[in-house]
Amino acid sequence: MNLSCLQPLSKPPNFLAPVSPTFPGSFHFLRNHPASVPNNSSRNSRCYRKTGIVRGWLFPVDPWAPNIDSQSIASQLFAVSLFPYIGFLYFITKSKSAPKLTLFGFYFLLAFVGATIPAGIYAKVNYGTSLSNVDWLHGGAESLLTITNLFIVLGLRQALRKTEDAKESTSSSIADVKQKKP
């Protein structure tokens, strides 16, 4: 390992330069090169450091930056996760294989999401902190999640009991038919 390329971490980069045209909007920091971007032939002779490749049009923050606010990343992931969940709801409804109470429970999760967003905004505006730090708001929002879980479990339990009852009635009717055939 060549140690002559190491720079102190507190020193800011001289400028930002694009990594490649294949990753639009992504950048890396080049040190000790104020006027030019190294090309492929000069990469071995110059020292530079790549960081933040995921920063740009796809990811709005540099995940390795020291000033990342984890709450903002969590809220972005929370918002993006709604799209796959809505797809899940569409396909489980279309398949008609889920028990009705369980399906209602999956839809009721959207009530939890709908209550959590304004509660989080209220906590941030009035208390200056995240929802998880305001107990009465957090508990109220999480109670909706508990109700959602109850709907899902009770619906699945009801479906299992129906299948067990159907198996018992089928096996008893088969036994009755065998007894009547002598």
C-alpha atoms as a PDB file:
ATOM      1  CA  MET A   1       0.000   0.000   0.000  1.00  0.00           C
ATOM      2  CA  ASN A   2       1.327   3.378  -0.955  1.00  0.00           C
ATOM      3  CA  LEU A   3       1.173   5.634   2.126  1.00  0.00           C
ATOM      4  CA  SER A   4       2.333   8.753   0.340  1.00  0.00           C
ATOM      5  CA  CYS A   5      -1.210   9.329  -0.955  1.00  0.00           C
ATOM      6  CA  LEU A   6      -2.809   9.666   2.480  1.00  0.00           C
ATOM      7  CA  GLN A   7      -4.190  13.079   3.346  1.00  0.00           C
ATOM      8  CA  PRO A   8      -5.576  14.362   6.641  1.00  0.00           C
ATOM      9  CA  LEU A   9      -9.337  13.828   6.817  1.00  0.00           C
ATOM     10  CA  SER A  10      -9.984  17.383   7.985  1.00  0.00           C
ATOM     11  CA  LYS A  11      -8.563  18.940   4.823  1.00  0.00           C
ATOM     12  CA  PRO A  12     -11.349  19.871   2.376  1.00  0.00           C
ATOM     13  CA  PRO A  13     -11.119  18.718  -1.227  1.00  0.00           C
ATOM     14  CA  ASN A  14      -9.833  21.135  -3.839  1.00  0.00           C
ATOM     15  CA  PHE A  15     -12.799  20.640  -6.182  1.00  0.00           C
ATOM     16  CA  LEU A  16     -15.442  18.195  -7.362  1.00  0.00           C
ATOM     17  CA  ALA A  17     -15.128  16.366 -10.646  1.00  0.00           C
ATOM     18  CA  PRO A  18     -17.513  13.962 -12.413  1.00  0.00           C
ATOM     19  CA  VAL A  19     -16.608  10.286 -12.041  1.00  0.00           C
ATOM     20  CA  SER A  20     -17.789   9.100 -15.438  1.00  0.00           C
ATOM     21  CA  PRO A  21     -20.582   9.717 -17.891  1.00  0.00           C
ATOM     22  CA  THR A  22     -22.133   6.358 -16.946  1.00  0.00           C
ATOM     23  CA  PHE A  23     -23.126   7.672 -13.516  1.00  0.00           C
ATOM     24  CA  PRO A  24     -24.664  11.107 -14.152  1.00  0.00           C
ATOM     25  CA  GLY A  25     -24.707  13.296 -11.103  1.00  0.00           C
ATOM     26  CA  SER A  26     -22.115  11.287  -9.185  1.00  0.00           C
ATOM     27  CA  PHE A  27     -18.925  12.965  -7.993  1.00  0.00           C
ATOM     28  CA  HIS A  28     -15.714  12.164  -6.226  1.00  0.00           C
ATOM     29  CA  PHE A  29     -13.230  14.415  -4.554  1.00  0.00           C
ATOM     30  CA  LEU A  30      -9.871  14.957  -6.173  1.00  0.00           C
ATOM     31  CA  ARG A  31      -7.062  16.160  -3.968  1.00  0.00           C
ATOM     32  CA  ASN A  32      -3.873  17.903  -5.054  1.00  0.00           C
ATOM     33  CA  HIS A  33      -5.235  18.415  -8.582  1.00  0.00           C
ATOM     34  CA  PRO A  34      -6.631  21.933  -8.752  1.00  0.00           C
ATOM     35  CA  ALA A  35      -6.693  22.295 -12.547  1.00  0.00           C
ATOM     36  CA  SER A  36      -7.228  18.930 -14.192  1.00  0.00           C
ATOM     37  CA  VAL A  37      -9.063  15.661 -13.885  1.00  0.00           C
ATOM     38  CA  PRO A  38      -6.755  12.636 -14.126  1.00  0.00           C
ATOM     39  CA  ASN A  39      -7.337  10.453 -17.153  1.00  0.00           C
ATOM     40  CA  ASN A  40      -6.842   6.691 -17.295  1.00  0.00           C
ATOM     41  CA  SER A  41      -3.160   6.920 -18.217  1.00  0.00           C
ATOM     42  CA  SER A  42      -2.266   9.200 -15.301  1.00  0.00           C
ATOM     43  CA  ARG A  43      -4.245   7.391 -12.581  1.00  0.00           C
ATOM     44  CA  ASN A  44      -1.300   5.334 -11.420  1.00  0.00           C
ATOM     45  CA  SER A  45       0.985   8.327 -11.091  1.00  0.00           C
ATOM     46  CA  ARG A  46      -1.370  10.628  -9.178  1.00  0.00           C
ATOM     47  CA  CYS A  47      -2.952  10.277  -5.768  1.00  0.00           C
ATOM     48  CA  TYR A  48      -6.663  10.916  -5.502  1.00  0.00           C
ATOM     49  CA  ARG A  49      -9.503   9.742  -3.305  1.00  0.00           C
ATOM     50  CA  LYS A  50     -12.967   8.674  -4.413  1.00  0.00           C
ATOM     51  CA  THR A  51     -15.814   9.320  -2.007  1.00  0.00           C
ATOM     52  CA  GLY A  52     -19.497   9.851  -2.344  1.00  0.00           C
ATOM     53  CA  ILE A  53     -19.988   7.923  -5.560  1.00  0.00           C
ATOM     54  CA  VAL A  54     -23.663   7.401  -4.728  1.00  0.00           C
ATOM     55  CA  ARG A  55     -24.247  11.113  -4.331  1.00  0.00           C
ATOM     56  CA  GLY A  56     -26.087  12.763  -7.173  1.00  0.00           C
ATOM     57  CA  TRP A  57     -29.382  12.374  -8.959  1.00  0.00           C
ATOM     58  CA  LEU A  58     -30.218   8.954  -7.490  1.00  0.00           C
ATOM     59  CA  PHE A  59     -29.275   9.539  -3.849  1.00  0.00           C
ATOM     60  CA  PRO A  60     -29.670  13.108  -2.566  1.00  0.00           C
ATOM     61  CA  VAL A  61     -27.119  12.783   0.247  1.00  0.00           C
ATOM     62  CA  ASP A  62     -23.568  11.605   0.572  1.00  0.00           C
ATOM     63  CA  PRO A  63     -23.824   8.660   3.010  1.00  0.00           C
ATOM     64  CA  TRP A  64     -20.235   9.085   4.187  1.00  0.00           C
ATOM     65  CA  ALA A  65     -20.502  12.773   4.983  1.00  0.00           C
ATOM     66  CA  PRO A  66     -19.996  13.674   8.640  1.00  0.00           C
ATOM     67  CA  ASN A  67     -23.058  15.908   8.751  1.00  0.00           C
ATOM     68  CA  ILE A  68     -25.678  13.362   7.689  1.00  0.00           C
ATOM     69  CA  ASP A  69     -28.954  13.615   9.534  1.00  0.00           C
ATOM     70  CA  SER A  70     -30.165  10.052  10.023  1.00  0.00           C
ATOM     71  CA  GLN A  71     -33.710  11.272  10.549  1.00  0.00           C
ATOM     72  CA  SER A  72     -33.853  12.768   7.072  1.00  0.00           C
ATOM     73  CA  ILE A  73     -32.615   9.516   5.543  1.00  0.00           C
ATOM     74  CA  ALA A  74     -35.187   7.562   7.540  1.00  0.00           C
ATOM     75  CA  SER A  75     -38.012   9.819   6.374  1.00  0.00           C
ATOM     76  CA  GLN A  76     -36.897   9.432   2.759  1.00  0.00           C
ATOM     77  CA  LEU A  77     -36.801   5.640   3.084  1.00  0.00           C
ATOM     78  CA  PHE A  78     -40.200   5.732   4.786  1.00  0.00           C
ATOM     79  CA  ALA A  79     -41.693   7.655   1.864  1.00  0.00           C
ATOM     80  CA  VAL A  80     -40.076   5.449  -0.788  1.00  0.00           C
ATOM     81  CA  SER A  81     -41.229   2.265   0.948  1.00  0.00           C
ATOM     82  CA  LEU A  82     -44.871   3.159   0.309  1.00  0.00           C
ATOM     83  CA  PHE A  83     -44.582   2.323  -3.387  1.00  0.00           C
ATOM     84  CA  PRO A  84     -43.648  -1.364  -2.964  1.00  0.00           C
ATOM     85  CA  TYR A  85     -46.261  -1.693  -0.229  1.00  0.00           C
ATOM     86  CA  ILE A  86     -48.995  -0.317  -2.470  1.00  0.00           C
ATOM     87  CA  GLY A  87     -47.862  -2.839  -5.106  1.00  0.00           C
ATOM     88  CA  PHE A  88     -48.128  -5.594  -2.500  1.00  0.00           C
ATOM     89  CA  LEU A  89     -51.671  -4.464  -1.629  1.00  0.00           C
ATOM     90  CA  TYR A  90     -52.644  -4.447  -5.288  1.00  0.00           C
ATOM     91  CA  PHE A  91     -51.414  -7.982  -5.934  1.00  0.00           C
ATOM     92  CA  ILE A  92     -52.755  -9.502  -2.722  1.00  0.00           C
ATOM     93  CA  THR A  93     -56.155  -7.965  -3.424  1.00  0.00           C
ATOM     94  CA  LYS A  94     -56.061  -9.167  -7.025  1.00  0.00           C
ATOM     95  CA  SER A  95     -55.136 -12.720  -5.994  1.00  0.00           C
ATOM     96  CA  LYS A  96     -58.195 -13.011  -3.693  1.00  0.00           C
ATOM     97  CA  SER A  97     -56.270 -15.532  -1.591  1.00  0.00           C
ATOM     98  CA  ALA A  98     -56.026 -13.544   1.641  1.00  0.00           C
ATOM     99  CA  PRO A  99     -58.745 -13.694   4.280  1.00  0.00           C
ATOM    100  CA  LYS A 100     -60.907 -10.571   4.348  1.00  0.00           C
ATOM    101  CA  LEU A 101     -59.929  -9.511   7.888  1.00  0.00           C
ATOM    102  CA  THR A 102     -56.243  -9.987   7.108  1.00  0.00           C
ATOM    103  CA  LEU A 103     -56.610  -7.965   3.933  1.00  0.00           C
ATOM    104  CA  PHE A 104     -58.353  -5.246   5.939  1.00  0.00           C
ATOM    105  CA  GLY A 105     -55.415  -5.327   8.374  1.00  0.00           C
ATOM    106  CA  PHE A 106     -52.932  -4.802   5.554  1.00  0.00           C
ATOM    107  CA  TYR A 107     -54.970  -1.834   4.333  1.00  0.00           C
ATOM    108  CA  PHE A 108     -55.297  -0.520   7.881  1.00  0.00           C
ATOM    109  CA  LEU A 109     -51.519  -0.188   7.971  1.00  0.00           C
ATOM    110  CA  LEU A 110     -52.019   2.808   5.695  1.00  0.00           C
ATOM    111  CA  ALA A 111     -53.967   4.424   8.569  1.00  0.00           C
ATOM    112  CA  PHE A 112     -50.864   3.967  10.711  1.00  0.00           C
ATOM    113  CA  VAL A 113     -48.774   5.640   8.007  1.00  0.00           C
ATOM    114  CA  GLY A 114     -51.354   8.394   7.599  1.00  0.00           C
ATOM    115  CA  ALA A 115     -51.298   9.117  11.330  1.00  0.00           C
ATOM    116  CA  THR A 116     -47.533   8.841  11.734  1.00  0.00           C
ATOM    117  CA  ILE A 117     -46.662  11.504   9.167  1.00  0.00           C
ATOM    118  CA  PRO A 118     -48.663  14.367  10.749  1.00  0.00           C
ATOM    119  CA  ALA A 119     -47.634  13.214  14.217  1.00  0.00           C
ATOM    120  CA  GLY A 120     -43.992  13.375  13.175  1.00  0.00           C
ATOM    121  CA  ILE A 121     -44.454  16.854  11.753  1.00  0.00           C
ATOM    122  CA  TYR A 122     -46.230  17.973  14.932  1.00  0.00           C
ATOM    123  CA  ALA A 123     -43.419  16.580  17.087  1.00  0.00           C
ATOM    124  CA  LYS A 124     -40.790  18.347  14.989  1.00  0.00           C
ATOM    125  CA  VAL A 125     -42.590  21.699  14.950  1.00  0.00           C
ATOM    126  CA  ASN A 126     -43.842  21.856  18.541  1.00  0.00           C
ATOM    127  CA  TYR A 127     -41.168  19.886  20.389  1.00  0.00           C
ATOM    128  CA  GLY A 128     -38.175  20.273  18.080  1.00  0.00           C
ATOM    129  CA  THR A 129     -37.434  16.558  18.060  1.00  0.00           C
ATOM    130  CA  SER A 130     -38.431  13.390  16.255  1.00  0.00           C
ATOM    131  CA  LEU A 131     -41.637  11.469  16.838  1.00  0.00           C
ATOM    132  CA  SER A 132     -39.832   8.701  18.684  1.00  0.00           C
ATOM    133  CA  ASN A 133     -38.839  11.153  21.426  1.00  0.00           C
ATOM    134  CA  VAL A 134     -42.397  12.357  22.183  1.00  0.00           C
ATOM    135  CA  ASP A 135     -43.895   9.472  24.105  1.00  0.00           C
ATOM    136  CA  TRP A 136     -47.586  10.315  23.941  1.00  0.00           C
ATOM    137  CA  LEU A 137     -47.508  10.911  20.175  1.00  0.00           C
ATOM    138  CA  HIS A 138     -45.331   7.902  19.490  1.00  0.00           C
ATOM    139  CA  GLY A 139     -47.520   5.661  21.633  1.00  0.00           C
ATOM    140  CA  GLY A 140     -50.666   6.831  19.886  1.00  0.00           C
ATOM    141  CA  ALA A 141     -49.201   6.174  16.460  1.00  0.00           C
ATOM    142  CA  GLU A 142     -47.830   2.785  17.483  1.00  0.00           C
ATOM    143  CA  SER A 143     -51.239   1.773  18.868  1.00  0.00           C
ATOM    144  CA  LEU A 144     -52.512   1.880  15.286  1.00  0.00           C
ATOM    145  CA  LEU A 145     -49.725  -0.516  14.341  1.00  0.00           C
ATOM    146  CA  THR A 146     -50.810  -2.838  17.152  1.00  0.00           C
ATOM    147  CA  ILE A 147     -54.393  -2.772  15.878  1.00  0.00           C
ATOM    148  CA  THR A 148     -53.097  -3.543  12.382  1.00  0.00           C
ATOM    149  CA  ASN A 149     -51.217  -6.577  13.683  1.00  0.00           C
ATOM    150  CA  LEU A 150     -54.326  -7.777  15.522  1.00  0.00           C
ATOM    151  CA  PHE A 151     -56.431  -7.576  12.356  1.00  0.00           C
ATOM    152  CA  ILE A 152     -53.836  -9.536  10.387  1.00  0.00           C
ATOM    153  CA  VAL A 153     -53.392 -12.243  13.020  1.00  0.00           C
ATOM    154  CA  LEU A 154     -57.110 -12.635  13.746  1.00  0.00           C
ATOM    155  CA  GLY A 155     -57.831 -12.913  10.018  1.00  0.00           C
ATOM    156  CA  LEU A 156     -55.187 -15.594   9.570  1.00  0.00           C
ATOM    157  CA  ARG A 157     -56.420 -17.423  12.664  1.00  0.00           C
ATOM    158  CA  GLN A 158     -59.971 -17.344  11.346  1.00  0.00           C
ATOM    159  CA  ALA A 159     -58.812 -18.741   7.989  1.00  0.00           C
ATOM    160  CA  LEU A 160     -56.887 -21.561   9.684  1.00  0.00           C
ATOM    161  CA  ARG A 161     -59.941 -22.511  11.731  1.00  0.00           C
ATOM    162  CA  LYS A 162     -62.087 -22.586   8.600  1.00  0.00           C
ATOM    163  CA  THR A 163     -59.656 -24.957   6.868  1.00  0.00           C
ATOM    164  CA  GLU A 164     -59.480 -27.202   9.961  1.00  0.00           C
ATOM    165  CA  ASP A 165     -63.285 -27.311  10.150  1.00  0.00           C
ATOM    166  CA  ALA A 166     -63.461 -28.122   6.440  1.00  0.00           C
ATOM    167  CA  LYS A 167     -60.970 -30.980   6.875  1.00  0.00           C
ATOM    168  CA  GLU A 168     -62.937 -32.367   9.835  1.00  0.00           C
ATOM    169  CA  SER A 169     -66.237 -32.233   7.980  1.00  0.00           C
ATOM    170  CA  THR A 170     -64.665 -33.844   4.909  1.00  0.00           C
ATOM    171  CA  SER A 171     -63.053 -36.645   6.908  1.00  0.00           C
ATOM    172  CA  SER A 172     -66.221 -37.295   8.917  1.00  0.00           C
ATOM    173  CA  SER A 173     -68.370 -37.422   5.777  1.00  0.00           C
ATOM    174  CA  ILE A 174     -65.939 -39.893   4.179  1.00  0.00           C
ATOM    175  CA  ALA A 175     -66.080 -42.066   7.315  1.00  0.00           C
ATOM    176  CA  ASP A 176     -69.912 -41.939   7.229  1.00  0.00           C
ATOM    177  CA  VAL A 177     -69.949 -43.034   3.576  1.00  0.00           C
ATOM    178  CA  LYS A 178     -67.625 -45.972   4.367  1.00  0.00           C
ATOM    179  CA  GLN A 179     -69.869 -47.071   7.236  1.00  0.00           C
ATOM    180  CA  LYS A 180     -73.001 -46.984   5.081  1.00  0.00           C
ATOM    181  CA  LYS A 181     -71.501 -49.150   2.270  1.00  0.00           C
ATOM    182  CA  PRO A 182     -71.336 -52.581   3.966  1.00  0.00           C
END
